[in-house]
Amino acid sequence: GAPDRGTISVKITDSKGELVGGLTAWTWGG
């Protein structure tokens, strides 16, 4: 009965647009 809420992403880039770091996650039922 817990609906899917989707995904989360967090991305940090430098002044050149290059990836510094990031995170992927999902959310579901709290």
mmCIF file of all heavy atoms, coordinates in Angstrom:
data_MODEL
# 
_entry.id   MODEL 
# 
loop_
_atom_site.group_PDB 
_atom_site.id 
_atom_site.type_symbol 
_atom_site.label_atom_id 
_atom_site.label_alt_id 
_atom_site.label_comp_id 
_atom_site.label_asym_id 
_atom_site.label_entity_id 
_atom_site.label_seq_id 
_atom_site.pdbx_PDB_ins_code 
_atom_site.Cartn_x 
_atom_site.Cartn_y 
_atom_site.Cartn_z 
_atom_site.occupancy 
_atom_site.B_iso_or_equiv 
_atom_site.pdbx_formal_charge 
_atom_site.auth_seq_id 
_atom_site.auth_comp_id 
_atom_site.auth_asym_id 
_atom_site.auth_atom_id 
_atom_site.pdbx_PDB_model_num 
ATOM 1   N N   . GLY A 1 1  ? 0.809  -1.212 0.000   1.00 0.00 ? 1  GLY A N   1 
ATOM 2   C CA  . GLY A 1 1  ? 0.000  0.000  0.000   1.00 0.00 ? 1  GLY A CA  1 
ATOM 3   C C   . GLY A 1 1  ? 0.845  1.266  0.000   1.00 0.00 ? 1  GLY A C   1 
ATOM 4   O O   . GLY A 1 1  ? 0.318  2.364  0.019   1.00 0.00 ? 1  GLY A O   1 
ATOM 5   N N   . ALA A 1 2  ? 2.159  1.119  -0.022  1.00 0.00 ? 2  ALA A N   1 
ATOM 6   C CA  . ALA A 1 2  ? 3.061  2.270  -0.024  1.00 0.00 ? 2  ALA A CA  1 
ATOM 7   C C   . ALA A 1 2  ? 3.461  2.591  -1.458  1.00 0.00 ? 2  ALA A C   1 
ATOM 8   O O   . ALA A 1 2  ? 4.137  1.791  -2.106  1.00 0.00 ? 2  ALA A O   1 
ATOM 9   C CB  . ALA A 1 2  ? 4.309  1.970  0.813   1.00 0.00 ? 2  ALA A CB  1 
ATOM 10  N N   . PRO A 1 3  ? 3.034  3.755  -1.960  1.00 0.00 ? 3  PRO A N   1 
ATOM 11  C CA  . PRO A 1 3  ? 3.366  4.101  -3.343  1.00 0.00 ? 3  PRO A CA  1 
ATOM 12  C C   . PRO A 1 3  ? 4.842  4.455  -3.518  1.00 0.00 ? 3  PRO A C   1 
ATOM 13  O O   . PRO A 1 3  ? 5.490  4.934  -2.594  1.00 0.00 ? 3  PRO A O   1 
ATOM 14  C CB  . PRO A 1 3  ? 2.487  5.313  -3.622  1.00 0.00 ? 3  PRO A CB  1 
ATOM 15  C CG  . PRO A 1 3  ? 2.292  5.938  -2.285  1.00 0.00 ? 3  PRO A CG  1 
ATOM 16  C CD  . PRO A 1 3  ? 2.262  4.794  -1.302  1.00 0.00 ? 3  PRO A CD  1 
ATOM 17  N N   . ASP A 1 4  ? 5.337  4.204  -4.717  1.00 0.00 ? 4  ASP A N   1 
ATOM 18  C CA  . ASP A 1 4  ? 6.704  4.581  -5.060  1.00 0.00 ? 4  ASP A CA  1 
ATOM 19  C C   . ASP A 1 4  ? 6.764  6.096  -5.187  1.00 0.00 ? 4  ASP A C   1 
ATOM 20  O O   . ASP A 1 4  ? 5.883  6.704  -5.785  1.00 0.00 ? 4  ASP A O   1 
ATOM 21  C CB  . ASP A 1 4  ? 7.093  3.929  -6.389  1.00 0.00 ? 4  ASP A CB  1 
ATOM 22  C CG  . ASP A 1 4  ? 8.475  4.319  -6.852  1.00 0.00 ? 4  ASP A CG  1 
ATOM 23  O OD1 . ASP A 1 4  ? 9.410  4.229  -6.043  1.00 0.00 ? 4  ASP A OD1 1 
ATOM 24  O OD2 . ASP A 1 4  ? 8.611  4.714  -8.029  1.00 0.00 ? 4  ASP A OD2 1 
ATOM 25  N N   . ARG A 1 5  ? 7.783  6.706  -4.613  1.00 0.00 ? 5  ARG A N   1 
ATOM 26  C CA  . ARG A 1 5  ? 7.918  8.159  -4.709  1.00 0.00 ? 5  ARG A CA  1 
ATOM 27  C C   . ARG A 1 5  ? 9.003  8.570  -5.681  1.00 0.00 ? 5  ARG A C   1 
ATOM 28  O O   . ARG A 1 5  ? 9.196  9.732  -5.929  1.00 0.00 ? 5  ARG A O   1 
ATOM 29  C CB  . ARG A 1 5  ? 8.247  8.732  -3.330  1.00 0.00 ? 5  ARG A CB  1 
ATOM 30  C CG  . ARG A 1 5  ? 7.107  8.594  -2.376  1.00 0.00 ? 5  ARG A CG  1 
ATOM 31  C CD  . ARG A 1 5  ? 6.914  9.883  -1.710  1.00 0.00 ? 5  ARG A CD  1 
ATOM 32  N NE  . ARG A 1 5  ? 5.810  9.803  -0.789  1.00 0.00 ? 5  ARG A NE  1 
ATOM 33  C CZ  . ARG A 1 5  ? 5.489  10.773 0.006   1.00 0.00 ? 5  ARG A CZ  1 
ATOM 34  N NH1 . ARG A 1 5  ? 6.200  11.865 0.029   1.00 0.00 ? 5  ARG A NH1 1 
ATOM 35  N NH2 . ARG A 1 5  ? 4.472  10.651 0.807   1.00 0.00 ? 5  ARG A NH2 1 
ATOM 36  N N   . GLY A 1 6  ? 9.798  7.628  -6.157  1.00 0.00 ? 6  GLY A N   1 
ATOM 37  C CA  . GLY A 1 6  ? 10.776 7.990  -7.168  1.00 0.00 ? 6  GLY A CA  1 
ATOM 38  C C   . GLY A 1 6  ? 12.213 7.906  -6.706  1.00 0.00 ? 6  GLY A C   1 
ATOM 39  O O   . GLY A 1 6  ? 12.545 7.141  -5.804  1.00 0.00 ? 6  GLY A O   1 
ATOM 40  N N   . THR A 1 7  ? 13.024 8.715  -7.344  1.00 0.00 ? 7  THR A N   1 
ATOM 41  C CA  . THR A 1 7  ? 14.464 8.683  -7.113  1.00 0.00 ? 7  THR A CA  1 
ATOM 42  C C   . THR A 1 7  ? 14.975 10.064 -6.721  1.00 0.00 ? 7  THR A C   1 
ATOM 43  O O   . THR A 1 7  ? 14.316 11.069 -6.960  1.00 0.00 ? 7  THR A O   1 
ATOM 44  C CB  . THR A 1 7  ? 15.201 8.204  -8.376  1.00 0.00 ? 7  THR A CB  1 
ATOM 45  O OG1 . THR A 1 7  ? 14.911 9.098  -9.453  1.00 0.00 ? 7  THR A OG1 1 
ATOM 46  C CG2 . THR A 1 7  ? 14.789 6.788  -8.751  1.00 0.00 ? 7  THR A CG2 1 
ATOM 47  N N   . ILE A 1 8  ? 16.150 10.060 -6.132  1.00 0.00 ? 8  ILE A N   1 
ATOM 48  C CA  . ILE A 1 8  ? 16.836 11.302 -5.750  1.00 0.00 ? 8  ILE A CA  1 
ATOM 49  C C   . ILE A 1 8  ? 18.224 11.261 -6.359  1.00 0.00 ? 8  ILE A C   1 
ATOM 50  O O   . ILE A 1 8  ? 18.883 10.218 -6.358  1.00 0.00 ? 8  ILE A O   1 
ATOM 51  C CB  . ILE A 1 8  ? 16.970 11.422 -4.219  1.00 0.00 ? 8  ILE A CB  1 
ATOM 52  C CG1 . ILE A 1 8  ? 15.602 11.571 -3.553  1.00 0.00 ? 8  ILE A CG1 1 
ATOM 53  C CG2 . ILE A 1 8  ? 17.882 12.593 -3.834  1.00 0.00 ? 8  ILE A CG2 1 
ATOM 54  C CD1 . ILE A 1 8  ? 15.655 11.551 -2.032  1.00 0.00 ? 8  ILE A CD1 1 
ATOM 55  N N   . SER A 1 9  ? 18.676 12.392 -6.850  1.00 0.00 ? 9  SER A N   1 
ATOM 56  C CA  . SER A 1 9  ? 20.081 12.509 -7.240  1.00 0.00 ? 9  SER A CA  1 
ATOM 57  C C   . SER A 1 9  ? 20.604 13.845 -6.727  1.00 0.00 ? 9  SER A C   1 
ATOM 58  O O   . SER A 1 9  ? 19.878 14.835 -6.670  1.00 0.00 ? 9  SER A O   1 
ATOM 59  C CB  . SER A 1 9  ? 20.261 12.399 -8.756  1.00 0.00 ? 9  SER A CB  1 
ATOM 60  O OG  . SER A 1 9  ? 19.678 13.493 -9.426  1.00 0.00 ? 9  SER A OG  1 
ATOM 61  N N   . VAL A 1 10 ? 21.858 13.827 -6.318  1.00 0.00 ? 10 VAL A N   1 
ATOM 62  C CA  . VAL A 1 10 ? 22.561 15.027 -5.884  1.00 0.00 ? 10 VAL A CA  1 
ATOM 63  C C   . VAL A 1 10 ? 23.873 15.036 -6.656  1.00 0.00 ? 10 VAL A C   1 
ATOM 64  O O   . VAL A 1 10 ? 24.589 14.028 -6.675  1.00 0.00 ? 10 VAL A O   1 
ATOM 65  C CB  . VAL A 1 10 ? 22.859 15.019 -4.365  1.00 0.00 ? 10 VAL A CB  1 
ATOM 66  C CG1 . VAL A 1 10 ? 23.635 16.269 -3.961  1.00 0.00 ? 10 VAL A CG1 1 
ATOM 67  C CG2 . VAL A 1 10 ? 21.576 14.890 -3.565  1.00 0.00 ? 10 VAL A CG2 1 
ATOM 68  N N   . LYS A 1 11 ? 24.163 16.154 -7.307  1.00 0.00 ? 11 LYS A N   1 
ATOM 69  C CA  . LYS A 1 11 ? 25.375 16.239 -8.122  1.00 0.00 ? 11 LYS A CA  1 
ATOM 70  C C   . LYS A 1 11 ? 26.101 17.535 -7.829  1.00 0.00 ? 11 LYS A C   1 
ATOM 71  O O   . LYS A 1 11 ? 25.474 18.594 -7.752  1.00 0.00 ? 11 LYS A O   1 
ATOM 72  C CB  . LYS A 1 11 ? 24.994 16.166 -9.601  1.00 0.00 ? 11 LYS A CB  1 
ATOM 73  C CG  . LYS A 1 11 ? 26.157 16.279 -10.542 1.00 0.00 ? 11 LYS A CG  1 
ATOM 74  C CD  . LYS A 1 11 ? 25.796 15.941 -11.987 1.00 0.00 ? 11 LYS A CD  1 
ATOM 75  C CE  . LYS A 1 11 ? 24.829 16.878 -12.594 1.00 0.00 ? 11 LYS A CE  1 
ATOM 76  N NZ  . LYS A 1 11 ? 24.652 16.650 -14.052 1.00 0.00 ? 11 LYS A NZ  1 
ATOM 77  N N   . ILE A 1 12 ? 27.410 17.454 -7.659  1.00 0.00 ? 12 ILE A N   1 
ATOM 78  C CA  . ILE A 1 12 ? 28.250 18.638 -7.484  1.00 0.00 ? 12 ILE A CA  1 
ATOM 79  C C   . ILE A 1 12 ? 29.243 18.665 -8.635  1.00 0.00 ? 12 ILE A C   1 
ATOM 80  O O   . ILE A 1 12 ? 29.931 17.667 -8.905  1.00 0.00 ? 12 ILE A O   1 
ATOM 81  C CB  . ILE A 1 12 ? 28.986 18.626 -6.134  1.00 0.00 ? 12 ILE A CB  1 
ATOM 82  C CG1 . ILE A 1 12 ? 27.972 18.702 -4.994  1.00 0.00 ? 12 ILE A CG1 1 
ATOM 83  C CG2 . ILE A 1 12 ? 29.991 19.784 -6.055  1.00 0.00 ? 12 ILE A CG2 1 
ATOM 84  C CD1 . ILE A 1 12 ? 28.571 18.684 -3.613  1.00 0.00 ? 12 ILE A CD1 1 
ATOM 85  N N   . THR A 1 13 ? 29.310 19.806 -9.321  1.00 0.00 ? 13 THR A N   1 
ATOM 86  C CA  . THR A 1 13 ? 30.249 19.988 -10.420 1.00 0.00 ? 13 THR A CA  1 
ATOM 87  C C   . THR A 1 13 ? 31.149 21.180 -10.130 1.00 0.00 ? 13 THR A C   1 
ATOM 88  O O   . THR A 1 13 ? 30.787 22.084 -9.379  1.00 0.00 ? 13 THR A O   1 
ATOM 89  C CB  . THR A 1 13 ? 29.507 20.216 -11.750 1.00 0.00 ? 13 THR A CB  1 
ATOM 90  O OG1 . THR A 1 13 ? 28.607 21.307 -11.596 1.00 0.00 ? 13 THR A OG1 1 
ATOM 91  C CG2 . THR A 1 13 ? 28.739 18.975 -12.170 1.00 0.00 ? 13 THR A CG2 1 
ATOM 92  N N   . ASP A 1 14 ? 32.323 21.167 -10.745 1.00 0.00 ? 14 ASP A N   1 
ATOM 93  C CA  . ASP A 1 14 ? 33.244 22.293 -10.581 1.00 0.00 ? 14 ASP A CA  1 
ATOM 94  C C   . ASP A 1 14 ? 32.971 23.355 -11.644 1.00 0.00 ? 14 ASP A C   1 
ATOM 95  O O   . ASP A 1 14 ? 32.032 23.229 -12.440 1.00 0.00 ? 14 ASP A O   1 
ATOM 96  C CB  . ASP A 1 14 ? 34.706 21.808 -10.588 1.00 0.00 ? 14 ASP A CB  1 
ATOM 97  C CG  . ASP A 1 14 ? 35.135 21.180 -11.904 1.00 0.00 ? 14 ASP A CG  1 
ATOM 98  O OD1 . ASP A 1 14 ? 34.474 21.411 -12.943 1.00 0.00 ? 14 ASP A OD1 1 
ATOM 99  O OD2 . ASP A 1 14 ? 36.148 20.452 -11.890 1.00 0.00 ? 14 ASP A OD2 1 
ATOM 100 N N   . SER A 1 15 ? 33.780 24.409 -11.666 1.00 0.00 ? 15 SER A N   1 
ATOM 101 C CA  . SER A 1 15 ? 33.558 25.525 -12.590 1.00 0.00 ? 15 SER A CA  1 
ATOM 102 C C   . SER A 1 15 ? 33.708 25.124 -14.055 1.00 0.00 ? 15 SER A C   1 
ATOM 103 O O   . SER A 1 15 ? 33.225 25.823 -14.940 1.00 0.00 ? 15 SER A O   1 
ATOM 104 C CB  . SER A 1 15 ? 34.527 26.672 -12.262 1.00 0.00 ? 15 SER A CB  1 
ATOM 105 O OG  . SER A 1 15 ? 35.870 26.219 -12.402 1.00 0.00 ? 15 SER A OG  1 
ATOM 106 N N   . LYS A 1 16 ? 34.345 23.990 -14.322 1.00 0.00 ? 16 LYS A N   1 
ATOM 107 C CA  . LYS A 1 16 ? 34.489 23.488 -15.692 1.00 0.00 ? 16 LYS A CA  1 
ATOM 108 C C   . LYS A 1 16 ? 33.354 22.536 -16.066 1.00 0.00 ? 16 LYS A C   1 
ATOM 109 O O   . LYS A 1 16 ? 33.341 21.987 -17.158 1.00 0.00 ? 16 LYS A O   1 
ATOM 110 C CB  . LYS A 1 16 ? 35.821 22.763 -15.847 1.00 0.00 ? 16 LYS A CB  1 
ATOM 111 C CG  . LYS A 1 16 ? 37.033 23.643 -15.638 1.00 0.00 ? 16 LYS A CG  1 
ATOM 112 C CD  . LYS A 1 16 ? 38.294 22.819 -15.722 1.00 0.00 ? 16 LYS A CD  1 
ATOM 113 C CE  . LYS A 1 16 ? 39.496 23.668 -15.348 1.00 0.00 ? 16 LYS A CE  1 
ATOM 114 N NZ  . LYS A 1 16 ? 40.711 22.847 -15.248 1.00 0.00 ? 16 LYS A NZ  1 
ATOM 115 N N   . GLY A 1 17 ? 32.436 22.309 -15.118 1.00 0.00 ? 17 GLY A N   1 
ATOM 116 C CA  . GLY A 1 17 ? 31.341 21.390 -15.367 1.00 0.00 ? 17 GLY A CA  1 
ATOM 117 C C   . GLY A 1 17 ? 31.702 19.934 -15.125 1.00 0.00 ? 17 GLY A C   1 
ATOM 118 O O   . GLY A 1 17 ? 30.910 19.040 -15.404 1.00 0.00 ? 17 GLY A O   1 
ATOM 119 N N   . GLU A 1 18 ? 32.899 19.689 -14.596 1.00 0.00 ? 18 GLU A N   1 
ATOM 120 C CA  . GLU A 1 18 ? 33.335 18.323 -14.310 1.00 0.00 ? 18 GLU A CA  1 
ATOM 121 C C   . GLU A 1 18 ? 32.716 17.843 -12.998 1.00 0.00 ? 18 GLU A C   1 
ATOM 122 O O   . GLU A 1 18 ? 32.582 18.608 -12.038 1.00 0.00 ? 18 GLU A O   1 
ATOM 123 C CB  . GLU A 1 18 ? 34.860 18.251 -14.213 1.00 0.00 ? 18 GLU A CB  1 
ATOM 124 C CG  . GLU A 1 18 ? 35.579 18.592 -15.500 1.00 0.00 ? 18 GLU A CG  1 
ATOM 125 C CD  . GLU A 1 18 ? 35.329 17.586 -16.599 1.00 0.00 ? 18 GLU A CD  1 
ATOM 126 O OE1 . GLU A 1 18 ? 35.223 16.372 -16.286 1.00 0.00 ? 18 GLU A OE1 1 
ATOM 127 O OE2 . GLU A 1 18 ? 35.214 18.004 -17.763 1.00 0.00 ? 18 GLU A OE2 1 
ATOM 128 N N   . LEU A 1 19 ? 32.379 16.579 -12.954 1.00 0.00 ? 19 LEU A N   1 
ATOM 129 C CA  . LEU A 1 19 ? 31.762 16.004 -11.766 1.00 0.00 ? 19 LEU A CA  1 
ATOM 130 C C   . LEU A 1 19 ? 32.746 15.939 -10.606 1.00 0.00 ? 19 LEU A C   1 
ATOM 131 O O   . LEU A 1 19 ? 33.833 15.393 -10.731 1.00 0.00 ? 19 LEU A O   1 
ATOM 132 C CB  . LEU A 1 19 ? 31.242 14.593 -12.080 1.00 0.00 ? 19 LEU A CB  1 
ATOM 133 C CG  . LEU A 1 19 ? 30.475 13.895 -10.973 1.00 0.00 ? 19 LEU A CG  1 
ATOM 134 C CD1 . LEU A 1 19 ? 29.182 14.634 -10.645 1.00 0.00 ? 19 LEU A CD1 1 
ATOM 135 C CD2 . LEU A 1 19 ? 30.168 12.451 -11.388 1.00 0.00 ? 19 LEU A CD2 1 
ATOM 136 N N   . VAL A 1 20 ? 32.350 16.518 -9.470  1.00 0.00 ? 20 VAL A N   1 
ATOM 137 C CA  . VAL A 1 20 ? 33.124 16.442 -8.225  1.00 0.00 ? 20 VAL A CA  1 
ATOM 138 C C   . VAL A 1 20 ? 32.622 15.272 -7.394  1.00 0.00 ? 20 VAL A C   1 
ATOM 139 O O   . VAL A 1 20 ? 33.396 14.543 -6.787  1.00 0.00 ? 20 VAL A O   1 
ATOM 140 C CB  . VAL A 1 20 ? 33.027 17.761 -7.428  1.00 0.00 ? 20 VAL A CB  1 
ATOM 141 C CG1 . VAL A 1 20 ? 33.660 17.620 -6.048  1.00 0.00 ? 20 VAL A CG1 1 
ATOM 142 C CG2 . VAL A 1 20 ? 33.668 18.897 -8.213  1.00 0.00 ? 20 VAL A CG2 1 
ATOM 143 N N   . GLY A 1 21 ? 31.319 15.081 -7.384  1.00 0.00 ? 21 GLY A N   1 
ATOM 144 C CA  . GLY A 1 21 ? 30.741 13.976 -6.627  1.00 0.00 ? 21 GLY A CA  1 
ATOM 145 C C   . GLY A 1 21 ? 29.248 13.931 -6.814  1.00 0.00 ? 21 GLY A C   1 
ATOM 146 O O   . GLY A 1 21 ? 28.639 14.851 -7.371  1.00 0.00 ? 21 GLY A O   1 
ATOM 147 N N   . GLY A 1 22 ? 28.663 12.835 -6.328  1.00 0.00 ? 22 GLY A N   1 
ATOM 148 C CA  . GLY A 1 22 ? 27.227 12.709 -6.466  1.00 0.00 ? 22 GLY A CA  1 
ATOM 149 C C   . GLY A 1 22 ? 26.668 11.538 -5.689  1.00 0.00 ? 22 GLY A C   1 
ATOM 150 O O   . GLY A 1 22 ? 27.408 10.741 -5.096  1.00 0.00 ? 22 GLY A O   1 
ATOM 151 N N   . LEU A 1 23 ? 25.356 11.467 -5.705  1.00 0.00 ? 23 LEU A N   1 
ATOM 152 C CA  . LEU A 1 23 ? 24.622 10.442 -4.968  1.00 0.00 ? 23 LEU A CA  1 
ATOM 153 C C   . LEU A 1 23 ? 23.376 10.087 -5.761  1.00 0.00 ? 23 LEU A C   1 
ATOM 154 O O   . LEU A 1 23 ? 22.755 10.961 -6.363  1.00 0.00 ? 23 LEU A O   1 
ATOM 155 C CB  . LEU A 1 23 ? 24.232 10.986 -3.594  1.00 0.00 ? 23 LEU A CB  1 
ATOM 156 C CG  . LEU A 1 23 ? 23.355 10.129 -2.695  1.00 0.00 ? 23 LEU A CG  1 
ATOM 157 C CD1 . LEU A 1 23 ? 23.713 10.370 -1.237  1.00 0.00 ? 23 LEU A CD1 1 
ATOM 158 C CD2 . LEU A 1 23 ? 21.872 10.405 -2.915  1.00 0.00 ? 23 LEU A CD2 1 
ATOM 159 N N   . THR A 1 24 ? 23.023 8.805  -5.739  1.00 0.00 ? 24 THR A N   1 
ATOM 160 C CA  . THR A 1 24 ? 21.734 8.361  -6.248  1.00 0.00 ? 24 THR A CA  1 
ATOM 161 C C   . THR A 1 24 ? 21.030 7.596  -5.132  1.00 0.00 ? 24 THR A C   1 
ATOM 162 O O   . THR A 1 24 ? 21.677 6.915  -4.331  1.00 0.00 ? 24 THR A O   1 
ATOM 163 C CB  . THR A 1 24 ? 21.858 7.474  -7.498  1.00 0.00 ? 24 THR A CB  1 
ATOM 164 O OG1 . THR A 1 24 ? 22.647 6.330  -7.192  1.00 0.00 ? 24 THR A OG1 1 
ATOM 165 C CG2 . THR A 1 24 ? 22.475 8.239  -8.661  1.00 0.00 ? 24 THR A CG2 1 
ATOM 166 N N   . ALA A 1 25 ? 19.717 7.742  -5.091  1.00 0.00 ? 25 ALA A N   1 
ATOM 167 C CA  . ALA A 1 25 ? 18.921 7.090  -4.045  1.00 0.00 ? 25 ALA A CA  1 
ATOM 168 C C   . ALA A 1 25 ? 17.506 6.898  -4.565  1.00 0.00 ? 25 ALA A C   1 
ATOM 169 O O   . ALA A 1 25 ? 17.119 7.453  -5.595  1.00 0.00 ? 25 ALA A O   1 
ATOM 170 C CB  . ALA A 1 25 ? 18.905 7.943  -2.779  1.00 0.00 ? 25 ALA A CB  1 
ATOM 171 N N   . TRP A 1 26 ? 16.737 6.133  -3.824  1.00 0.00 ? 26 TRP A N   1 
ATOM 172 C CA  . TRP A 1 26 ? 15.318 5.934  -4.121  1.00 0.00 ? 26 TRP A CA  1 
ATOM 173 C C   . TRP A 1 26 ? 14.517 6.217  -2.859  1.00 0.00 ? 26 TRP A C   1 
ATOM 174 O O   . TRP A 1 26 ? 15.056 6.190  -1.758  1.00 0.00 ? 26 TRP A O   1 
ATOM 175 C CB  . TRP A 1 26 ? 15.036 4.514  -4.621  1.00 0.00 ? 26 TRP A CB  1 
ATOM 176 C CG  . TRP A 1 26 ? 15.637 3.429  -3.780  1.00 0.00 ? 26 TRP A CG  1 
ATOM 177 C CD1 . TRP A 1 26 ? 16.836 2.808  -3.998  1.00 0.00 ? 26 TRP A CD1 1 
ATOM 178 C CD2 . TRP A 1 26 ? 15.117 2.859  -2.575  1.00 0.00 ? 26 TRP A CD2 1 
ATOM 179 N NE1 . TRP A 1 26 ? 17.083 1.888  -3.005  1.00 0.00 ? 26 TRP A NE1 1 
ATOM 180 C CE2 . TRP A 1 26 ? 16.042 1.888  -2.119  1.00 0.00 ? 26 TRP A CE2 1 
ATOM 181 C CE3 . TRP A 1 26 ? 13.957 3.068  -1.830  1.00 0.00 ? 26 TRP A CE3 1 
ATOM 182 C CZ2 . TRP A 1 26 ? 15.842 1.127  -0.969  1.00 0.00 ? 26 TRP A CZ2 1 
ATOM 183 C CZ3 . TRP A 1 26 ? 13.761 2.311  -0.683  1.00 0.00 ? 26 TRP A CZ3 1 
ATOM 184 C CH2 . TRP A 1 26 ? 14.694 1.351  -0.264  1.00 0.00 ? 26 TRP A CH2 1 
ATOM 185 N N   . THR A 1 27 ? 13.249 6.504  -3.041  1.00 0.00 ? 27 THR A N   1 
ATOM 186 C CA  . THR A 1 27 ? 12.352 6.695  -1.902  1.00 0.00 ? 27 THR A CA  1 
ATOM 187 C C   . THR A 1 27 ? 11.125 5.827  -2.104  1.00 0.00 ? 27 THR A C   1 
ATOM 188 O O   . THR A 1 27 ? 10.631 5.662  -3.225  1.00 0.00 ? 27 THR A O   1 
ATOM 189 C CB  . THR A 1 27 ? 11.932 8.169  -1.746  1.00 0.00 ? 27 THR A CB  1 
ATOM 190 O OG1 . THR A 1 27 ? 11.265 8.608  -2.921  1.00 0.00 ? 27 THR A OG1 1 
ATOM 191 C CG2 . THR A 1 27 ? 13.137 9.057  -1.480  1.00 0.00 ? 27 THR A CG2 1 
ATOM 192 N N   . TRP A 1 28 ? 10.644 5.257  -1.004  1.00 0.00 ? 28 TRP A N   1 
ATOM 193 C CA  . TRP A 1 28 ? 9.470  4.382  -1.085  1.00 0.00 ? 28 TRP A CA  1 
ATOM 194 C C   . TRP A 1 28 ? 8.904  4.208  0.322   1.00 0.00 ? 28 TRP A C   1 
ATOM 195 O O   . TRP A 1 28 ? 9.608  3.776  1.226   1.00 0.00 ? 28 TRP A O   1 
ATOM 196 C CB  . TRP A 1 28 ? 9.865  3.037  -1.681  1.00 0.00 ? 28 TRP A CB  1 
ATOM 197 C CG  . TRP A 1 28 ? 8.781  2.007  -1.688  1.00 0.00 ? 28 TRP A CG  1 
ATOM 198 C CD1 . TRP A 1 28 ? 7.510  2.152  -2.173  1.00 0.00 ? 28 TRP A CD1 1 
ATOM 199 C CD2 . TRP A 1 28 ? 8.862  0.682  -1.179  1.00 0.00 ? 28 TRP A CD2 1 
ATOM 200 N NE1 . TRP A 1 28 ? 6.804  0.987  -2.009  1.00 0.00 ? 28 TRP A NE1 1 
ATOM 201 C CE2 . TRP A 1 28 ? 7.616  0.061  -1.404  1.00 0.00 ? 28 TRP A CE2 1 
ATOM 202 C CE3 . TRP A 1 28 ? 9.862  -0.056 -0.565  1.00 0.00 ? 28 TRP A CE3 1 
ATOM 203 C CZ2 . TRP A 1 28 ? 7.355  -1.241 -1.030  1.00 0.00 ? 28 TRP A CZ2 1 
ATOM 204 C CZ3 . TRP A 1 28 ? 9.594  -1.354 -0.201  1.00 0.00 ? 28 TRP A CZ3 1 
ATOM 205 C CH2 . TRP A 1 28 ? 8.347  -1.938 -0.441  1.00 0.00 ? 28 TRP A CH2 1 
ATOM 206 N N   . GLY A 1 29 ? 7.667  4.567  0.483   1.00 0.00 ? 29 GLY A N   1 
ATOM 207 C CA  . GLY A 1 29 ? 6.966  4.333  1.742   1.00 0.00 ? 29 GLY A CA  1 
ATOM 208 C C   . GLY A 1 29 ? 7.638  4.949  2.948   1.00 0.00 ? 29 GLY A C   1 
ATOM 209 O O   . GLY A 1 29 ? 7.662  4.354  4.018   1.00 0.00 ? 29 GLY A O   1 
ATOM 210 N N   . GLY A 1 30 ? 8.206  6.139  2.795   1.00 0.00 ? 30 GLY A N   1 
ATOM 211 C CA  . GLY A 1 30 ? 8.863  6.811  3.918   1.00 0.00 ? 30 GLY A CA  1 
ATOM 212 C C   . GLY A 1 30 ? 10.304 6.402  4.143   1.00 0.00 ? 30 GLY A C   1 
ATOM 213 O O   . GLY A 1 30 ? 10.944 6.858  5.086   1.00 0.00 ? 30 GLY A O   1 
# 
